[in-house]
N, C-alpha and C. Protein backbone atom coordinates (compact mmCIF):
# COMPACT_ATOMS: atom_id res chain seq x y z
N MET A 1 87.08 76.41 97.05
CA MET A 1 88.20 76.88 97.85
C MET A 1 87.65 77.66 99.04
N GLN A 2 88.22 77.40 100.20
CA GLN A 2 87.86 78.14 101.40
C GLN A 2 88.68 79.43 101.47
N PRO A 3 88.12 80.51 102.04
CA PRO A 3 88.88 81.75 102.18
C PRO A 3 90.16 81.52 102.99
N VAL A 4 91.21 82.22 102.57
CA VAL A 4 92.52 82.14 103.21
C VAL A 4 92.74 83.43 103.98
N ILE A 5 93.21 83.33 105.20
CA ILE A 5 93.56 84.49 106.00
C ILE A 5 95.05 84.74 105.86
N LEU A 6 95.40 85.98 105.54
CA LEU A 6 96.80 86.39 105.42
C LEU A 6 97.10 87.45 106.48
N HIS A 7 98.36 87.54 106.86
CA HIS A 7 98.77 88.55 107.84
C HIS A 7 99.95 89.35 107.30
N THR A 8 99.96 90.62 107.63
CA THR A 8 101.11 91.49 107.38
C THR A 8 101.58 91.97 108.74
N LYS A 9 102.57 92.82 108.73
CA LYS A 9 103.08 93.35 110.00
C LYS A 9 102.00 94.11 110.76
N ARG A 10 101.12 94.82 110.02
CA ARG A 10 100.15 95.69 110.68
C ARG A 10 98.69 95.34 110.44
N MET A 11 98.43 94.27 109.65
CA MET A 11 97.04 93.97 109.29
C MET A 11 96.76 92.49 109.21
N GLU A 12 95.46 92.19 109.28
CA GLU A 12 94.96 90.87 108.92
C GLU A 12 94.15 91.06 107.64
N LEU A 13 94.31 90.13 106.71
CA LEU A 13 93.53 90.12 105.48
C LEU A 13 92.65 88.89 105.53
N SER A 14 91.34 89.09 105.55
CA SER A 14 90.39 87.98 105.63
C SER A 14 89.16 88.31 104.79
N ALA A 15 88.43 87.29 104.42
CA ALA A 15 87.26 87.49 103.55
C ALA A 15 86.24 88.39 104.23
N PRO A 16 85.69 89.35 103.48
CA PRO A 16 84.62 90.16 104.04
C PRO A 16 83.39 89.29 104.34
N THR A 17 82.70 89.64 105.39
CA THR A 17 81.52 88.89 105.81
C THR A 17 80.32 89.83 105.91
N GLU A 18 79.19 89.25 106.19
CA GLU A 18 77.98 90.07 106.35
C GLU A 18 78.13 91.08 107.48
N ALA A 19 78.96 90.80 108.47
CA ALA A 19 79.20 91.75 109.56
C ALA A 19 79.91 93.02 109.07
N ASP A 20 80.50 92.98 107.89
CA ASP A 20 81.23 94.13 107.33
C ASP A 20 80.37 95.01 106.44
N ILE A 21 79.14 94.63 106.18
CA ILE A 21 78.31 95.33 105.20
C ILE A 21 78.15 96.81 105.50
N ASP A 22 77.88 97.17 106.74
CA ASP A 22 77.69 98.59 107.06
C ASP A 22 78.99 99.39 106.86
N GLN A 23 80.12 98.82 107.24
CA GLN A 23 81.39 99.52 107.08
C GLN A 23 81.76 99.64 105.59
N ILE A 24 81.52 98.60 104.81
CA ILE A 24 81.77 98.67 103.37
C ILE A 24 80.90 99.78 102.76
N THR A 25 79.64 99.82 103.13
CA THR A 25 78.72 100.85 102.64
C THR A 25 79.25 102.24 102.97
N HIS A 26 79.70 102.41 104.20
CA HIS A 26 80.21 103.72 104.65
C HIS A 26 81.46 104.12 103.86
N ILE A 27 82.44 103.23 103.75
CA ILE A 27 83.69 103.56 103.07
C ILE A 27 83.45 103.84 101.59
N CYS A 28 82.54 103.11 100.97
CA CYS A 28 82.29 103.28 99.53
C CYS A 28 81.49 104.54 99.20
N GLN A 29 81.27 105.40 100.16
CA GLN A 29 80.72 106.73 99.89
C GLN A 29 81.82 107.70 99.48
N ASP A 30 83.08 107.30 99.68
CA ASP A 30 84.23 108.15 99.39
C ASP A 30 84.27 108.52 97.91
N GLU A 31 84.49 109.81 97.63
CA GLU A 31 84.50 110.30 96.26
C GLU A 31 85.57 109.63 95.40
N ASP A 32 86.76 109.39 95.96
CA ASP A 32 87.82 108.77 95.17
C ASP A 32 87.50 107.32 94.83
N ILE A 33 86.92 106.58 95.76
CA ILE A 33 86.53 105.20 95.45
C ILE A 33 85.49 105.20 94.34
N LEU A 34 84.52 106.08 94.42
CA LEU A 34 83.48 106.16 93.39
C LEU A 34 84.07 106.60 92.05
N LYS A 35 85.05 107.50 92.08
CA LYS A 35 85.64 108.02 90.85
C LYS A 35 86.52 107.00 90.14
N TRP A 36 87.30 106.22 90.92
CA TRP A 36 88.35 105.40 90.32
C TRP A 36 88.05 103.92 90.25
N THR A 37 86.93 103.47 90.80
CA THR A 37 86.62 102.04 90.77
C THR A 37 85.31 101.81 90.03
N THR A 38 84.93 100.56 89.96
CA THR A 38 83.67 100.20 89.28
C THR A 38 82.54 99.94 90.27
N VAL A 39 82.71 100.31 91.54
CA VAL A 39 81.59 100.13 92.48
C VAL A 39 80.41 100.97 91.99
N PRO A 40 79.19 100.51 92.26
CA PRO A 40 78.02 101.30 91.86
C PRO A 40 78.04 102.70 92.49
N SER A 41 77.48 103.65 91.77
CA SER A 41 77.39 105.02 92.27
C SER A 41 76.00 105.56 91.96
N PRO A 42 75.24 105.99 92.97
CA PRO A 42 75.60 105.98 94.38
C PRO A 42 75.68 104.55 94.92
N TYR A 43 76.39 104.40 96.04
CA TYR A 43 76.62 103.08 96.63
C TYR A 43 75.69 102.91 97.82
N SER A 44 74.91 101.83 97.81
CA SER A 44 73.92 101.60 98.86
C SER A 44 74.27 100.37 99.70
N ARG A 45 73.55 100.21 100.79
CA ARG A 45 73.73 99.02 101.63
C ARG A 45 73.41 97.76 100.82
N ALA A 46 72.42 97.83 99.95
CA ALA A 46 72.07 96.67 99.10
C ALA A 46 73.25 96.31 98.19
N ASP A 47 74.02 97.31 97.74
CA ASP A 47 75.21 97.03 96.92
C ASP A 47 76.25 96.28 97.74
N ALA A 48 76.44 96.67 98.99
CA ALA A 48 77.40 95.98 99.86
C ALA A 48 76.94 94.56 100.16
N GLU A 49 75.65 94.38 100.39
CA GLU A 49 75.10 93.04 100.61
C GLU A 49 75.35 92.15 99.39
N PHE A 50 75.08 92.68 98.20
CA PHE A 50 75.30 91.94 96.97
C PHE A 50 76.78 91.59 96.82
N PHE A 51 77.65 92.54 97.09
CA PHE A 51 79.09 92.32 97.00
C PHE A 51 79.52 91.14 97.88
N VAL A 52 79.12 91.16 99.14
CA VAL A 52 79.54 90.12 100.08
C VAL A 52 78.92 88.76 99.74
N THR A 53 77.63 88.74 99.46
CA THR A 53 76.95 87.45 99.28
C THR A 53 77.02 86.89 97.86
N GLN A 54 77.08 87.76 96.85
CA GLN A 54 77.01 87.30 95.47
C GLN A 54 78.33 87.40 94.71
N ILE A 55 79.29 88.14 95.25
CA ILE A 55 80.60 88.27 94.59
C ILE A 55 81.69 87.62 95.44
N VAL A 56 81.80 88.03 96.69
CA VAL A 56 82.89 87.52 97.55
C VAL A 56 82.75 86.02 97.80
N GLN A 57 81.63 85.59 98.33
CA GLN A 57 81.47 84.18 98.69
C GLN A 57 81.60 83.25 97.49
N PRO A 58 80.87 83.49 96.39
CA PRO A 58 81.05 82.62 95.21
C PRO A 58 82.44 82.73 94.59
N GLY A 59 83.06 83.90 94.69
CA GLY A 59 84.41 84.08 94.15
C GLY A 59 85.42 83.18 94.82
N TRP A 60 85.33 83.06 96.14
CA TRP A 60 86.22 82.15 96.86
C TRP A 60 85.90 80.70 96.52
N GLU A 61 84.61 80.36 96.50
CA GLU A 61 84.21 78.98 96.22
C GLU A 61 84.72 78.51 94.86
N SER A 62 84.67 79.38 93.87
CA SER A 62 85.08 79.01 92.51
C SER A 62 86.55 79.27 92.24
N LYS A 63 87.22 79.98 93.16
CA LYS A 63 88.63 80.36 93.01
C LYS A 63 88.83 81.34 91.85
N VAL A 64 87.77 82.01 91.45
CA VAL A 64 87.82 82.95 90.33
C VAL A 64 88.10 84.38 90.80
N ALA A 65 87.66 84.72 92.01
CA ALA A 65 87.86 86.06 92.56
C ALA A 65 88.07 85.93 94.06
N LEU A 66 89.29 86.19 94.49
CA LEU A 66 89.63 86.09 95.90
C LEU A 66 89.70 87.49 96.49
N THR A 67 88.81 87.77 97.42
CA THR A 67 88.70 89.11 97.98
C THR A 67 88.98 89.06 99.48
N TRP A 68 89.85 89.97 99.91
CA TRP A 68 90.20 90.10 101.32
C TRP A 68 89.79 91.48 101.83
N ALA A 69 89.21 91.51 103.02
CA ALA A 69 89.02 92.75 103.75
C ALA A 69 90.32 93.02 104.50
N MET A 70 90.80 94.23 104.39
CA MET A 70 92.00 94.63 105.14
C MET A 70 91.53 95.12 106.50
N ARG A 71 92.08 94.51 107.55
CA ARG A 71 91.64 94.84 108.91
C ARG A 71 92.82 95.27 109.76
N GLN A 72 92.62 96.35 110.47
CA GLN A 72 93.64 96.85 111.39
C GLN A 72 92.96 97.04 112.74
N GLY A 73 93.46 96.31 113.74
CA GLY A 73 92.82 96.38 115.05
C GLY A 73 91.37 95.97 115.00
N GLY A 74 91.02 95.07 114.10
CA GLY A 74 89.65 94.60 113.96
C GLY A 74 88.78 95.46 113.07
N ASP A 75 89.23 96.66 112.72
CA ASP A 75 88.44 97.56 111.88
C ASP A 75 88.72 97.31 110.40
N LEU A 76 87.67 97.27 109.61
CA LEU A 76 87.82 97.15 108.16
C LEU A 76 88.32 98.49 107.63
N ILE A 77 89.45 98.45 106.90
CA ILE A 77 90.04 99.70 106.38
C ILE A 77 90.19 99.70 104.86
N GLY A 78 89.94 98.56 104.23
CA GLY A 78 90.09 98.51 102.78
C GLY A 78 89.76 97.14 102.24
N MET A 79 89.90 97.02 100.93
CA MET A 79 89.60 95.77 100.25
C MET A 79 90.68 95.54 99.21
N ILE A 80 91.05 94.27 99.03
CA ILE A 80 92.04 93.91 98.01
C ILE A 80 91.62 92.57 97.42
N SER A 81 91.82 92.42 96.12
CA SER A 81 91.37 91.18 95.48
C SER A 81 92.29 90.76 94.35
N LEU A 82 92.23 89.48 94.06
CA LEU A 82 92.84 88.89 92.87
C LEU A 82 91.72 88.21 92.10
N THR A 83 91.57 88.59 90.83
CA THR A 83 90.51 88.05 89.98
C THR A 83 91.14 87.37 88.78
N ALA A 84 90.71 86.15 88.51
CA ALA A 84 91.30 85.35 87.43
C ALA A 84 91.07 85.97 86.07
N LEU A 85 92.15 86.08 85.31
CA LEU A 85 92.09 86.43 83.90
C LEU A 85 92.26 85.16 83.07
N ASP A 86 93.06 84.23 83.59
CA ASP A 86 93.17 82.87 83.08
C ASP A 86 93.73 82.03 84.21
N GLU A 87 94.11 80.78 83.95
CA GLU A 87 94.48 79.88 85.06
C GLU A 87 95.77 80.27 85.78
N SER A 88 96.63 81.10 85.17
CA SER A 88 97.87 81.47 85.86
C SER A 88 98.12 82.97 85.88
N MET A 89 97.09 83.76 85.55
CA MET A 89 97.21 85.21 85.59
C MET A 89 95.96 85.80 86.22
N TYR A 90 96.17 86.58 87.27
CA TYR A 90 95.07 87.23 87.97
C TYR A 90 95.29 88.74 87.95
N GLU A 91 94.19 89.47 88.05
CA GLU A 91 94.26 90.93 88.13
C GLU A 91 94.09 91.37 89.57
N LEU A 92 94.91 92.33 89.97
CA LEU A 92 94.88 92.89 91.31
C LEU A 92 93.97 94.11 91.33
N GLY A 93 93.15 94.21 92.35
CA GLY A 93 92.31 95.39 92.54
C GLY A 93 92.28 95.75 94.02
N TYR A 94 92.06 97.03 94.33
CA TYR A 94 92.04 97.45 95.73
C TYR A 94 91.40 98.82 95.90
N TRP A 95 90.91 99.06 97.12
CA TRP A 95 90.51 100.39 97.56
C TRP A 95 90.73 100.49 99.07
N MET A 96 90.84 101.71 99.55
CA MET A 96 91.17 101.92 100.96
C MET A 96 90.39 103.10 101.53
N ALA A 97 90.03 102.99 102.79
CA ALA A 97 89.34 104.08 103.49
C ALA A 97 90.23 105.32 103.51
N PRO A 98 89.65 106.49 103.27
CA PRO A 98 90.46 107.71 103.23
C PRO A 98 91.24 107.98 104.51
N ILE A 99 90.71 107.60 105.64
CA ILE A 99 91.33 107.92 106.93
C ILE A 99 92.69 107.23 107.12
N VAL A 100 92.96 106.15 106.39
CA VAL A 100 94.23 105.42 106.57
C VAL A 100 95.14 105.50 105.35
N ARG A 101 94.77 106.29 104.37
CA ARG A 101 95.63 106.43 103.19
C ARG A 101 96.93 107.14 103.56
N GLY A 102 97.97 106.85 102.79
CA GLY A 102 99.25 107.53 102.98
C GLY A 102 100.14 106.93 104.06
N GLN A 103 99.79 105.76 104.57
CA GLN A 103 100.58 105.13 105.63
C GLN A 103 101.33 103.90 105.14
N GLY A 104 101.27 103.61 103.85
CA GLY A 104 101.96 102.45 103.29
C GLY A 104 101.24 101.14 103.52
N LEU A 105 100.02 101.18 104.03
CA LEU A 105 99.27 99.96 104.33
C LEU A 105 98.89 99.20 103.06
N MET A 106 98.53 99.93 102.00
CA MET A 106 98.12 99.24 100.78
C MET A 106 99.32 98.56 100.13
N VAL A 107 100.47 99.19 100.13
CA VAL A 107 101.67 98.54 99.58
C VAL A 107 101.95 97.26 100.37
N GLU A 108 101.83 97.33 101.67
CA GLU A 108 102.04 96.15 102.53
C GLU A 108 101.07 95.03 102.16
N ALA A 109 99.80 95.39 101.95
CA ALA A 109 98.78 94.39 101.58
C ALA A 109 99.05 93.83 100.18
N VAL A 110 99.40 94.69 99.23
CA VAL A 110 99.67 94.24 97.86
C VAL A 110 100.83 93.25 97.87
N GLN A 111 101.88 93.57 98.59
CA GLN A 111 103.04 92.67 98.62
C GLN A 111 102.68 91.32 99.23
N ARG A 112 101.86 91.32 100.27
CA ARG A 112 101.47 90.06 100.91
C ARG A 112 100.56 89.24 99.99
N VAL A 113 99.61 89.89 99.34
CA VAL A 113 98.72 89.18 98.42
C VAL A 113 99.51 88.65 97.22
N ALA A 114 100.45 89.43 96.72
CA ALA A 114 101.30 88.96 95.62
C ALA A 114 102.12 87.75 96.05
N ASP A 115 102.68 87.79 97.25
CA ASP A 115 103.43 86.63 97.76
C ASP A 115 102.55 85.39 97.75
N TYR A 116 101.32 85.52 98.23
CA TYR A 116 100.39 84.39 98.23
C TYR A 116 100.08 83.96 96.80
N GLY A 117 99.84 84.91 95.92
CA GLY A 117 99.52 84.59 94.54
C GLY A 117 100.62 83.80 93.84
N PHE A 118 101.87 84.13 94.13
CA PHE A 118 102.99 83.46 93.46
C PHE A 118 103.44 82.17 94.15
N ALA A 119 103.09 81.99 95.41
CA ALA A 119 103.57 80.83 96.18
C ALA A 119 103.03 79.52 95.61
N ALA A 120 103.89 78.50 95.65
CA ALA A 120 103.48 77.17 95.17
C ALA A 120 102.32 76.63 95.99
N ASP A 121 102.26 76.97 97.29
CA ASP A 121 101.15 76.52 98.12
C ASP A 121 100.02 77.57 98.16
N GLY A 122 100.13 78.60 97.31
CA GLY A 122 99.07 79.59 97.13
C GLY A 122 98.41 79.34 95.80
N LEU A 123 98.46 80.35 94.92
CA LEU A 123 97.85 80.21 93.60
C LEU A 123 98.84 79.77 92.52
N ASN A 124 100.13 79.88 92.81
CA ASN A 124 101.18 79.48 91.87
C ASN A 124 101.03 80.21 90.52
N LEU A 125 100.82 81.52 90.60
CA LEU A 125 100.58 82.33 89.40
C LEU A 125 101.87 82.60 88.64
N GLY A 126 101.71 82.86 87.35
CA GLY A 126 102.82 83.27 86.49
C GLY A 126 102.85 84.77 86.28
N ARG A 127 101.75 85.47 86.63
CA ARG A 127 101.68 86.92 86.43
C ARG A 127 100.52 87.49 87.23
N ILE A 128 100.74 88.68 87.78
CA ILE A 128 99.68 89.49 88.38
C ILE A 128 99.64 90.79 87.59
N GLU A 129 98.45 91.14 87.15
CA GLU A 129 98.28 92.34 86.32
C GLU A 129 97.53 93.40 87.11
N TRP A 130 97.89 94.65 86.87
CA TRP A 130 97.24 95.80 87.51
C TRP A 130 96.74 96.73 86.42
N HIS A 131 95.53 97.23 86.57
CA HIS A 131 94.95 98.23 85.67
C HIS A 131 94.40 99.36 86.51
N ALA A 132 94.47 100.58 86.00
CA ALA A 132 93.81 101.73 86.62
C ALA A 132 93.47 102.73 85.54
N TYR A 133 92.40 103.45 85.74
CA TYR A 133 92.05 104.50 84.79
C TYR A 133 93.15 105.54 84.79
N VAL A 134 93.46 106.07 83.61
CA VAL A 134 94.48 107.10 83.49
C VAL A 134 94.14 108.26 84.42
N GLY A 135 95.12 108.67 85.20
CA GLY A 135 94.93 109.75 86.16
C GLY A 135 94.84 109.29 87.60
N ASN A 136 94.66 108.00 87.83
CA ASN A 136 94.56 107.47 89.19
C ASN A 136 95.97 107.34 89.79
N ALA A 137 96.50 108.48 90.19
CA ALA A 137 97.88 108.56 90.67
C ALA A 137 98.07 107.76 91.96
N GLY A 138 97.07 107.71 92.83
CA GLY A 138 97.20 106.97 94.08
C GLY A 138 97.38 105.48 93.85
N SER A 139 96.57 104.92 92.98
CA SER A 139 96.69 103.50 92.67
C SER A 139 98.01 103.21 91.97
N ALA A 140 98.40 104.09 91.05
CA ALA A 140 99.68 103.92 90.34
C ALA A 140 100.85 103.97 91.32
N SER A 141 100.78 104.84 92.30
CA SER A 141 101.85 104.93 93.29
C SER A 141 101.99 103.63 94.07
N VAL A 142 100.88 103.04 94.45
CA VAL A 142 100.91 101.76 95.17
C VAL A 142 101.53 100.67 94.29
N ALA A 143 101.08 100.56 93.05
CA ALA A 143 101.60 99.53 92.15
C ALA A 143 103.10 99.74 91.91
N ARG A 144 103.50 100.99 91.68
CA ARG A 144 104.92 101.30 91.45
C ARG A 144 105.77 100.92 92.66
N ARG A 145 105.32 101.30 93.85
CA ARG A 145 106.08 101.02 95.08
C ARG A 145 106.03 99.54 95.46
N SER A 146 105.11 98.78 94.84
CA SER A 146 105.02 97.34 95.11
C SER A 146 105.85 96.51 94.14
N GLY A 147 106.54 97.18 93.19
CA GLY A 147 107.42 96.48 92.28
C GLY A 147 106.85 96.16 90.92
N PHE A 148 105.64 96.63 90.61
CA PHE A 148 105.05 96.40 89.30
C PHE A 148 105.83 97.18 88.23
N THR A 149 105.90 96.62 87.05
CA THR A 149 106.51 97.28 85.90
C THR A 149 105.41 97.87 85.04
N TYR A 150 105.50 99.18 84.80
CA TYR A 150 104.53 99.85 83.94
C TYR A 150 104.71 99.35 82.51
N GLU A 151 103.61 98.94 81.89
CA GLU A 151 103.68 98.34 80.56
C GLU A 151 102.95 99.13 79.49
N GLY A 152 102.20 100.15 79.87
CA GLY A 152 101.62 100.99 78.83
C GLY A 152 100.21 101.46 79.08
N LEU A 153 99.69 102.09 78.04
CA LEU A 153 98.36 102.67 78.04
C LEU A 153 97.47 101.81 77.14
N LEU A 154 96.31 101.45 77.65
CA LEU A 154 95.33 100.71 76.87
C LEU A 154 94.18 101.66 76.56
N ARG A 155 94.03 101.99 75.31
CA ARG A 155 93.01 102.96 74.92
C ARG A 155 91.61 102.38 75.08
N MET A 156 90.78 103.13 75.81
CA MET A 156 89.38 102.79 76.04
C MET A 156 89.19 101.37 76.56
N GLU A 157 90.12 100.89 77.34
CA GLU A 157 90.08 99.52 77.89
C GLU A 157 89.12 99.40 79.06
N GLY A 158 89.05 100.41 79.90
CA GLY A 158 88.25 100.33 81.11
C GLY A 158 86.80 100.70 80.87
N LEU A 159 85.90 99.94 81.46
CA LEU A 159 84.47 100.24 81.37
C LEU A 159 83.96 100.50 82.78
N GLN A 160 83.45 101.70 82.98
CA GLN A 160 82.93 102.10 84.28
C GLN A 160 81.54 102.71 84.10
N ARG A 161 80.55 102.00 84.61
CA ARG A 161 79.16 102.47 84.56
C ARG A 161 78.75 102.92 83.16
N GLY A 162 79.09 102.10 82.16
CA GLY A 162 78.67 102.36 80.80
C GLY A 162 79.56 103.29 80.00
N LYS A 163 80.62 103.81 80.60
CA LYS A 163 81.51 104.73 79.90
C LYS A 163 82.92 104.13 79.82
N ARG A 164 83.55 104.24 78.66
CA ARG A 164 84.90 103.72 78.46
C ARG A 164 85.94 104.75 78.86
N HIS A 165 87.06 104.24 79.41
CA HIS A 165 88.18 105.08 79.84
C HIS A 165 89.50 104.47 79.38
N ASP A 166 90.48 105.32 79.12
CA ASP A 166 91.84 104.83 78.90
C ASP A 166 92.36 104.29 80.23
N SER A 167 93.17 103.24 80.15
CA SER A 167 93.72 102.62 81.36
C SER A 167 95.22 102.45 81.26
N TRP A 168 95.87 102.53 82.40
CA TRP A 168 97.26 102.15 82.53
C TRP A 168 97.30 100.66 82.85
N VAL A 169 98.36 99.98 82.44
CA VAL A 169 98.53 98.57 82.76
C VAL A 169 99.96 98.34 83.23
N ALA A 170 100.10 97.47 84.22
CA ALA A 170 101.41 97.09 84.74
C ALA A 170 101.35 95.62 85.12
N GLY A 171 102.52 95.00 85.21
CA GLY A 171 102.56 93.59 85.56
C GLY A 171 103.64 93.29 86.58
N LEU A 172 103.43 92.21 87.30
CA LEU A 172 104.38 91.70 88.28
C LEU A 172 104.53 90.21 88.02
N LEU A 173 105.78 89.76 87.90
CA LEU A 173 106.07 88.36 87.68
C LEU A 173 106.70 87.77 88.93
N PRO A 174 106.62 86.46 89.11
CA PRO A 174 107.19 85.86 90.32
C PRO A 174 108.71 86.06 90.41
N THR A 175 109.36 86.25 89.29
CA THR A 175 110.82 86.43 89.28
C THR A 175 111.24 87.89 89.46
N ASP A 176 110.29 88.82 89.45
CA ASP A 176 110.61 90.23 89.62
C ASP A 176 111.03 90.53 91.05
N ASP A 177 112.02 91.42 91.19
CA ASP A 177 112.27 91.93 92.54
C ASP A 177 111.16 92.93 92.83
N ARG A 178 111.01 93.30 94.05
CA ARG A 178 109.91 94.19 94.43
C ARG A 178 110.36 95.65 94.53
N ALA A 179 111.51 95.95 93.94
CA ALA A 179 111.99 97.33 93.95
C ALA A 179 111.14 98.20 93.01
N GLU A 180 111.05 99.46 93.34
CA GLU A 180 110.33 100.41 92.50
C GLU A 180 110.99 100.48 91.12
N LYS A 181 110.18 100.42 90.08
CA LYS A 181 110.70 100.42 88.71
C LYS A 181 110.53 101.81 88.07
N PRO A 182 111.46 102.21 87.20
CA PRO A 182 111.31 103.48 86.47
C PRO A 182 110.30 103.31 85.33
N GLY A 183 109.98 104.43 84.68
CA GLY A 183 109.16 104.38 83.49
C GLY A 183 107.68 104.60 83.69
N TRP A 184 107.27 104.95 84.90
CA TRP A 184 105.85 105.20 85.18
C TRP A 184 105.46 106.60 84.72
N PRO A 185 104.19 106.79 84.32
CA PRO A 185 103.74 108.15 83.95
C PRO A 185 103.84 109.08 85.15
N ALA A 186 104.05 110.36 84.86
CA ALA A 186 104.20 111.35 85.94
C ALA A 186 102.88 111.52 86.68
């Protein structure tokens, strides 16, 4: 599968390339990205090179992991991906540069990627799943505002750098409206 370019009102979503390696390295120094994601810590330029060449490119080719760089005015501001859990269910993941957080850009990107995931001419998925370590209020806020339904706590489900963490899980179905759902943890 060739990478697909998506557009939102304020962004272009396109596959990260080798030209993005320095910016990915810079953004992944952020304490929150290191705390809440599985990126290596400390994060080096070699990690960004590996991500682009060994994860992003083969992920698109195999259709197993589709990763988009979020770009605003040509600048890389975040990353969003869909990773196959099975043939009709993918997991959503994302991170964003601290300088652009709080502007609703991630919700915009999540909704566009979900639209592509559910579209018959996209991935034609039956479900998109979201996971985050318990306490990741920022990620939960994005998922909640994107229409995901909170489905519960998975004990010791998440593995980050050799340590297990409790995780929240939520799901989005193609028939769901995108309105904010009640029932999320405080």
